[in-house]
Protein backbone atom coordinates (compact mmCIF):
# COMPACT_ATOMS: atom_id res chain seq x y z
CA MET A 1 -13.93 16.49 7.63
CA ILE A 2 -12.91 13.03 5.61
CA GLU A 3 -11.06 15.10 2.83
CA LEU A 4 -8.13 15.35 4.91
CA LEU A 5 -8.21 11.69 5.63
CA GLU A 6 -8.48 10.35 2.07
CA ALA A 7 -5.39 12.48 1.39
CA CYS A 8 -3.70 10.55 4.36
CA VAL A 9 -5.20 7.24 2.95
CA ARG A 10 -3.54 8.01 -0.56
CA ILE A 11 0.01 8.60 1.09
CA PRO A 12 1.11 4.94 1.52
CA SER A 13 3.04 4.53 4.68
CA LEU A 14 4.72 1.00 5.74
CA SER A 15 6.29 0.69 9.15
CA GLY A 16 9.33 2.28 8.49
CA GLU A 17 8.27 3.98 5.43
CA GLU A 18 6.20 7.05 7.10
CA GLN A 19 8.25 10.01 6.12
CA ARG A 20 6.05 11.64 3.06
CA VAL A 21 2.88 11.06 5.34
CA ALA A 22 4.38 12.54 8.51
CA THR A 23 5.53 15.59 6.14
CA PHE A 24 1.46 16.29 4.98
CA LEU A 25 0.68 15.98 8.80
CA CYS A 26 3.05 18.09 9.78
CA GLU A 27 1.78 20.72 7.21
CA GLN A 28 -2.30 19.87 7.58
CA MET A 29 -1.34 21.09 11.50
CA ALA A 30 0.00 24.06 10.82
CA ALA A 31 -1.91 24.76 8.35
CA ARG A 32 -4.41 24.41 11.27
CA GLY A 33 -2.91 26.45 13.84
CA LEU A 34 -0.73 23.65 15.68
CA GLY A 35 2.80 24.25 15.83
CA ALA A 36 3.90 20.87 13.89
CA HIS A 37 7.40 19.33 13.98
CA ILE A 38 8.82 15.75 13.09
CA ASP A 39 11.18 14.41 15.72
CA ARG A 40 14.08 12.61 16.07
CA GLU A 41 12.16 8.98 15.64
CA GLY A 42 10.03 10.30 12.48
CA ASN A 43 7.07 10.86 14.59
CA ALA A 44 4.67 13.73 13.36
CA VAL A 45 3.88 16.25 16.49
CA GLY A 46 1.71 18.94 16.53
CA VAL A 47 1.67 20.76 19.80
CA VAL A 48 -1.10 23.66 21.09
CA GLY A 49 -0.50 25.53 24.24
CA SER A 50 3.06 25.48 26.71
CA GLY A 51 0.79 25.04 29.79
CA PRO A 52 2.12 22.56 32.65
CA HIS A 53 -0.55 19.91 32.38
CA GLN A 54 -0.15 18.01 28.67
CA LEU A 55 -3.07 16.00 26.91
CA VAL A 56 -1.13 13.45 24.89
CA LEU A 57 -3.28 12.54 21.27
CA LEU A 58 -0.84 9.43 20.59
CA GLY A 59 -1.64 7.53 17.30
CA HIS A 60 0.14 6.19 14.57
CA MET A 61 0.95 6.76 10.97
CA ASP A 62 2.33 2.98 9.80
CA THR A 63 0.30 1.06 8.00
CA VAL A 64 0.50 -3.37 6.88
CA GLY A 65 1.09 -4.02 3.19
CA GLY A 66 -1.66 -4.70 0.98
CA ASP A 67 -3.12 -2.64 -1.45
CA VAL A 68 -7.04 -1.38 -0.64
CA PRO A 69 -7.67 1.26 -3.59
CA VAL A 70 -8.88 4.21 -2.21
CA HIS A 71 -12.53 5.13 -2.98
CA TYR A 72 -16.09 5.55 -1.81
CA GLU A 73 -18.56 2.84 -1.75
CA GLY A 74 -21.80 5.30 0.12
CA ASP A 75 -20.88 6.40 2.86
CA SER A 76 -17.83 4.35 3.27
CA LEU A 77 -14.25 5.42 2.14
CA TYR A 78 -12.30 2.53 1.54
CA GLY A 79 -7.77 2.22 1.51
CA ARG A 80 -5.40 0.77 3.54
CA GLY A 81 -4.93 2.53 6.94
CA SER A 82 -8.41 4.30 6.87
CA VAL A 83 -9.57 1.78 10.22
CA ASP A 84 -6.14 1.54 11.13
CA ALA A 85 -4.95 4.29 12.49
CA LYS A 86 -5.17 6.93 10.29
CA GLY A 87 -8.79 7.28 10.81
CA PRO A 88 -8.23 8.12 14.32
CA LEU A 89 -4.89 9.96 13.49
CA CYS A 90 -6.93 12.24 11.46
CA ALA A 91 -9.51 12.58 14.02
CA PHE A 92 -6.99 13.53 15.84
CA VAL A 93 -5.44 16.32 14.32
CA LEU A 94 -9.52 17.88 13.31
CA ALA A 95 -10.83 17.55 17.19
CA ALA A 96 -7.20 19.51 18.20
CA ALA A 97 -7.73 22.21 15.13
CA GLN A 98 -11.09 22.73 16.79
CA VAL A 99 -10.20 23.69 20.36
CA ALA A 100 -6.88 25.84 19.43
CA PRO A 101 -7.54 28.78 19.62
CA THR A 102 -9.35 28.44 22.88
CA LEU A 103 -7.50 25.97 24.79
CA ASP A 104 -6.90 27.35 28.47
CA ARG A 105 -3.30 28.75 29.24
CA ASP A 106 -2.60 25.74 31.64
CA TRP A 107 -2.69 23.20 29.35
CA GLN A 108 -1.03 21.82 26.26
CA LEU A 109 -2.38 19.71 23.79
CA ILE A 110 0.04 17.03 21.73
CA VAL A 111 -0.58 14.72 18.93
CA VAL A 112 1.47 12.56 18.25
CA GLY A 113 1.39 10.40 14.69
CA ALA A 114 3.82 7.62 15.40
CA THR A 115 6.04 5.73 13.30
CA GLU A 116 6.16 1.78 13.20
CA GLU A 117 3.65 0.65 15.56
CA GLU A 118 2.30 -2.02 12.86
CA SER A 119 5.95 -3.50 12.92
CA ALA A 120 6.34 -4.86 16.57
CA THR A 121 9.09 -2.21 17.29
CA SER A 122 7.08 0.74 18.00
CA ARG A 123 9.71 3.15 17.57
CA GLY A 124 8.16 5.97 17.36
CA ALA A 125 5.39 5.46 21.23
CA ARG A 126 9.00 4.16 22.48
CA TYR A 127 10.23 7.62 22.05
CA ALA A 128 7.67 9.57 22.37
CA ALA A 129 7.40 8.00 26.18
CA THR A 130 10.82 9.27 27.13
CA GLN A 131 9.56 13.12 25.74
CA LEU A 132 6.23 13.71 27.06
CA HIS A 133 4.97 13.60 30.91
CA PRO A 134 1.17 13.72 30.10
CA SER A 135 -1.74 14.12 33.06
CA ALA A 136 -3.82 12.38 30.96
CA CYS A 137 -3.57 10.22 27.81
CA VAL A 138 -5.89 8.95 24.51
CA ILE A 139 -4.01 6.53 22.51
CA GLY A 140 -5.93 6.53 18.61
CA GLU A 141 -6.46 2.88 17.87
CA PRO A 142 -10.13 1.97 16.42
CA SER A 143 -13.13 1.55 18.67
CA GLY A 144 -15.94 2.57 17.18
CA ALA A 145 -17.02 6.27 17.75
CA ASP A 146 -19.34 5.00 20.86
CA GLY A 147 -16.32 2.53 22.51
CA ILE A 148 -14.19 3.22 24.80
CA THR A 149 -11.52 0.68 25.05
CA LEU A 150 -9.47 0.28 28.72
CA GLY A 151 -7.53 -2.36 27.63
CA TYR A 152 -4.64 -4.94 25.40
CA LYS A 153 -3.52 -8.19 25.89
CA GLY A 154 0.34 -8.71 26.37
CA ARG A 155 2.79 -10.29 22.63
CA LEU A 156 5.61 -12.74 22.47
CA LEU A 157 6.70 -13.56 18.96
CA VAL A 158 8.62 -16.75 19.04
CA ASP A 159 10.61 -18.01 16.43
CA ALA A 160 12.05 -21.52 16.50
CA HIS A 161 14.60 -23.13 14.46
CA PHE A 162 14.97 -27.23 14.25
CA GLU A 163 17.71 -28.32 12.16
CA GLN A 164 19.49 -31.76 12.05
CA PRO A 165 21.52 -33.44 8.94
CA SER A 166 19.70 -34.91 6.32
CA ARG A 167 18.51 -38.25 6.34
CA HIS A 168 16.99 -41.05 3.90
CA SER A 169 12.73 -40.75 3.84
CA ALA A 170 12.19 -44.29 5.14
CA VAL A 171 14.12 -43.73 7.91
CA PRO A 172 11.95 -44.24 11.03
CA GLU A 173 12.87 -40.87 13.35
CA PRO A 174 10.88 -37.85 13.45
CA SER A 175 12.21 -35.15 10.45
CA ALA A 176 13.07 -31.88 11.61
CA GLY A 177 9.26 -30.63 10.33
CA GLU A 178 7.77 -33.26 12.71
CA GLN A 179 9.87 -32.44 15.59
CA ALA A 180 8.28 -28.51 14.66
CA ILE A 181 5.48 -29.77 14.73
CA GLN A 182 5.87 -31.46 18.04
CA LEU A 183 6.61 -28.16 19.55
CA TRP A 184 3.31 -26.50 18.13
CA ASN A 185 0.91 -29.69 19.57
CA TRP A 186 3.14 -28.65 22.45
CA LEU A 187 1.71 -24.82 22.56
CA ASN A 188 -1.77 -26.34 21.82
CA GLU A 189 -2.12 -28.23 24.90
CA TYR A 190 -0.25 -25.49 27.11
CA THR A 191 -2.91 -22.82 25.67
CA GLN A 192 -6.04 -25.40 26.62
CA ARG A 193 -4.72 -25.47 29.53
CA PHE A 194 -4.05 -22.32 30.77
CA ASN A 195 -7.40 -21.27 29.22
CA VAL A 196 -9.57 -23.59 31.51
CA ASP A 197 -12.46 -21.89 33.15
CA LEU A 198 -11.66 -18.58 31.30
CA PRO A 199 -14.22 -17.63 29.54
CA ARG A 200 -14.03 -14.27 28.57
CA ALA A 201 -11.54 -13.86 25.59
CA TYR A 202 -9.18 -10.95 26.95
CA ASP A 203 -8.23 -13.53 29.66
CA GLN A 204 -6.83 -15.95 27.66
CA LEU A 205 -3.72 -17.17 25.86
CA TYR A 206 -3.55 -16.99 22.30
CA ALA A 207 -1.24 -18.96 20.17
CA ARG A 208 -1.30 -18.80 16.25
CA LEU A 209 1.52 -19.78 13.81
CA ARG A 210 2.06 -17.24 11.51
CA GLN A 211 4.97 -18.55 9.05
CA ILE A 212 5.91 -22.49 8.55
CA ASN A 213 9.11 -23.21 6.92
CA SER A 214 11.11 -26.53 5.41
CA SER A 215 13.22 -27.19 3.50
CA ASP A 216 16.74 -29.36 2.85
CA ASP A 217 20.10 -29.28 0.68
CA GLY A 218 21.08 -32.50 0.69
CA LEU A 219 23.25 -32.19 3.76
CA ARG A 220 20.87 -30.69 6.20
CA GLU A 221 17.32 -30.45 6.77
CA TRP A 222 15.41 -27.90 8.63
CA CYS A 223 12.15 -26.42 9.75
CA ASP A 224 11.30 -22.74 10.80
CA LEU A 225 8.17 -21.12 12.80
CA LEU A 226 7.29 -18.15 13.82
CA ILE A 227 4.80 -17.68 16.38
CA GLY A 228 3.04 -14.88 18.04
CA LEU A 229 1.05 -14.91 21.50
CA ARG A 230 -1.21 -12.94 22.87
CA LEU A 231 -1.11 -12.75 26.54
CA PRO A 232 -3.69 -12.13 29.52
CA LEU A 233 -2.73 -9.83 32.54
CA LYS A 234 -2.11 -12.63 34.14
CA LEU A 235 1.07 -14.19 32.02
CA THR A 236 4.06 -12.07 31.44
CA PRO A 237 5.83 -12.63 28.31
CA ASP A 238 9.38 -13.57 30.55
CA GLU A 239 7.23 -16.16 32.18
CA LEU A 240 5.89 -17.69 29.01
CA GLN A 241 9.58 -17.34 27.23
CA ALA A 242 10.32 -19.36 30.97
CA GLN A 243 7.63 -22.11 29.62
CA PHE A 244 8.98 -22.53 26.63
CA GLU A 245 13.04 -22.74 27.34
CA ARG A 246 11.92 -25.88 30.26
CA TRP A 247 10.08 -27.07 27.36
CA VAL A 248 13.07 -27.85 25.27
CA ALA A 249 15.20 -28.37 28.73
CA ASP A 250 12.74 -31.34 28.52
CA ARG A 251 13.24 -32.86 25.39
CA PRO A 252 14.55 -36.79 25.42
CA ALA A 253 18.47 -36.07 24.24
CA THR A 254 17.54 -37.83 20.90
CA LEU A 255 15.68 -35.40 19.71
CA LEU A 256 16.41 -32.18 18.37
CA ARG A 257 16.62 -28.80 20.99
CA PRO A 258 15.74 -25.88 18.44
CA ALA A 259 17.09 -22.61 18.85
CA LEU A 260 14.50 -20.32 20.04
CA ALA A 261 14.52 -16.46 19.82
CA PHE A 262 12.07 -14.30 21.68
CA HIS A 263 11.28 -11.20 20.45
CA GLY A 264 8.39 -8.35 20.55
CA LYS A 265 7.40 -8.79 24.11
CA GLU A 266 4.62 -6.17 25.61
CA VAL A 267 2.78 -6.46 28.48
CA ALA A 268 -0.68 -6.88 28.50
CA TYR A 269 -2.29 -3.33 30.21
CA ARG A 270 -5.44 -2.45 31.38
CA SER A 271 -6.74 0.94 32.63
CA LEU A 272 -8.80 2.04 35.07
CA ARG A 273 -12.29 3.06 34.63
CA ASP A 274 -13.48 5.62 37.12
CA THR A 275 -11.10 8.44 36.04
CA SER A 276 -11.50 11.64 34.37
CA LEU A 277 -11.14 10.86 30.88
CA VAL A 278 -13.62 7.89 31.36
CA LEU A 279 -15.92 10.24 32.88
CA ALA A 280 -15.52 12.55 29.33
CA PHE A 281 -16.04 10.60 27.28
CA LEU A 282 -19.00 8.91 28.93
CA GLU A 283 -20.24 12.28 28.74
CA SER A 284 -19.44 12.96 25.05
CA ILE A 285 -20.37 9.72 23.65
CA ARG A 286 -24.06 10.30 25.05
CA SER A 287 -23.94 13.87 23.93
CA GLU A 288 -24.63 12.42 20.38
CA GLY A 289 -27.45 10.44 21.60
CA GLN A 290 -25.02 7.17 21.62
CA ARG A 291 -24.88 4.63 24.16
CA PRO A 292 -20.99 4.16 25.24
CA VAL A 293 -19.08 0.44 25.60
CA TYR A 294 -16.04 -0.31 27.37
CA LYS A 295 -13.58 -2.71 25.42
CA LEU A 296 -10.94 -4.98 25.50
CA LYS A 297 -8.97 -5.98 23.01
CA THR A 298 -7.16 -9.03 22.21
CA GLY A 299 -4.27 -7.13 20.53
CA THR A 300 -1.70 -5.20 21.21
CA SER A 301 -1.08 -1.25 20.96
CA ASP A 302 1.39 1.11 21.86
CA MET A 303 -0.88 1.55 25.04
CA ASN A 304 1.02 -1.34 25.67
CA VAL A 305 4.29 1.03 25.26
CA VAL A 306 3.02 4.18 26.68
CA GLY A 307 1.11 2.95 29.69
CA PRO A 308 3.57 1.29 32.12
CA VAL A 309 5.49 4.49 31.92
CA TRP A 310 3.16 7.71 32.10
CA GLY A 311 0.87 5.67 34.61
CA CYS A 312 -1.54 8.60 34.00
CA PRO A 313 -5.65 8.37 33.05
CA MET A 314 -5.63 6.37 29.84
CA VAL A 315 -7.82 5.20 26.55
CA ALA A 316 -7.38 4.30 23.48
CA TYR A 317 -9.95 5.41 20.88
CA GLY A 318 -11.26 6.27 17.74
CA PRO A 319 -12.93 5.98 14.82
CA GLY A 320 -13.99 2.53 12.90
CA ASP A 321 -14.38 -0.89 12.88
CA SER A 322 -11.33 -2.99 14.55
CA SER A 323 -12.61 -6.33 12.76
CA LEU A 324 -11.39 -4.36 9.63
CA ASP A 325 -8.07 -3.69 10.41
CA HIS A 326 -5.56 -5.66 8.05
CA THR A 327 -8.27 -7.00 5.79
CA PRO A 328 -8.55 -5.99 2.35
CA GLN A 329 -12.24 -4.48 2.85
CA GLU A 330 -10.65 -2.00 5.47
CA HIS A 331 -13.58 0.98 4.93
CA ILE A 332 -14.52 3.85 7.43
CA GLY A 333 -17.94 5.46 7.75
CA VAL A 334 -17.58 9.15 7.00
CA ALA A 335 -20.67 10.35 9.16
CA GLU A 336 -18.70 7.79 11.82
CA PHE A 337 -15.65 9.48 11.09
CA GLU A 338 -17.29 12.77 11.62
CA ARG A 339 -19.25 11.73 14.65
CA SER A 340 -15.44 10.92 16.39
CA VAL A 341 -14.24 14.14 15.80
CA ARG A 342 -16.93 16.07 17.68
CA VAL A 343 -16.41 13.38 20.58
CA LEU A 344 -12.84 14.12 21.12
CA THR A 345 -13.45 17.81 20.84
CA ARG A 346 -16.07 17.85 23.95
CA VAL A 347 -13.44 15.33 25.34
CA ILE A 348 -10.56 17.77 24.92
CA GLN A 349 -12.21 20.43 25.96
CA THR A 350 -14.11 18.66 29.12
CA MET A 351 -10.21 17.91 30.44
CA THR A 352 -8.56 21.27 29.80
CA LYS A 353 -10.97 23.59 31.48
CA SER A 354 -9.52 24.90 34.21
């Protein structure tokens, strides 16, 4: 089974550059008995059956940058995307192929390899959300073969641009860079206040300074910040944007008022535990001799996109250790990958029984 994943990982597929891997996945799905095509937004889609009830397995094909040479070390396959998230997606394809010959006529099983999940646009998932109407959905993200992910935090990205006329460095007034740091310090203080008495990471507000750049051309000086925020259920992107705007409005008139741009907005999402889909995963994981573990993630996924639209039973599942996402050490265990395929196969069989 690992040969499919190895071949998939060997095909580079940065966000926005997924065509080659989409073609490969469609060829592989067609060879395994799925009707396959590439849709309008570049998603690789495999379909089995035509019943009125849809079970959607939604993963993503794109990866972040960075060359992680594809190779094996012991029982592990190394390579960019092996965990995030070609591992889960290839497990979907293999499990769907196992079930395809005996799928109940009342069901339609759909595998989607979506585009641009890593670029914060989620172009593929947003399109799928308008085209499909699932009775249940599994999102392809690494949870570990024994993990069931029930929720993800929200997201807000903020670009802040500070600019003023150049001045001599001996002038006591704060530079554009120093005023940008004031914004970052204000955000840190706001985050600390917000997180008081919130011990669980999923409930906290996270802030990360992703980029900072300053320069001048002799006539003007400027500083640009890119801030990434991870939001809990109790705080929406629009509410946090309003906090930023109030901070700017309250600044003394003698200080700069930065130009702010907000993007990458996703509301936090958490699915229910008492659904038939969760029960199917619990039983299937236990059948492998494993103890199921519920997880809530501090990042985001396409669950944030389709969850509020579809409103159906939903979890995220897939092989791999999510702490290896985006790292130079990204790798997946072969045995774990194969175990996840067996878990998914049983889940699909359970969910699609008449």
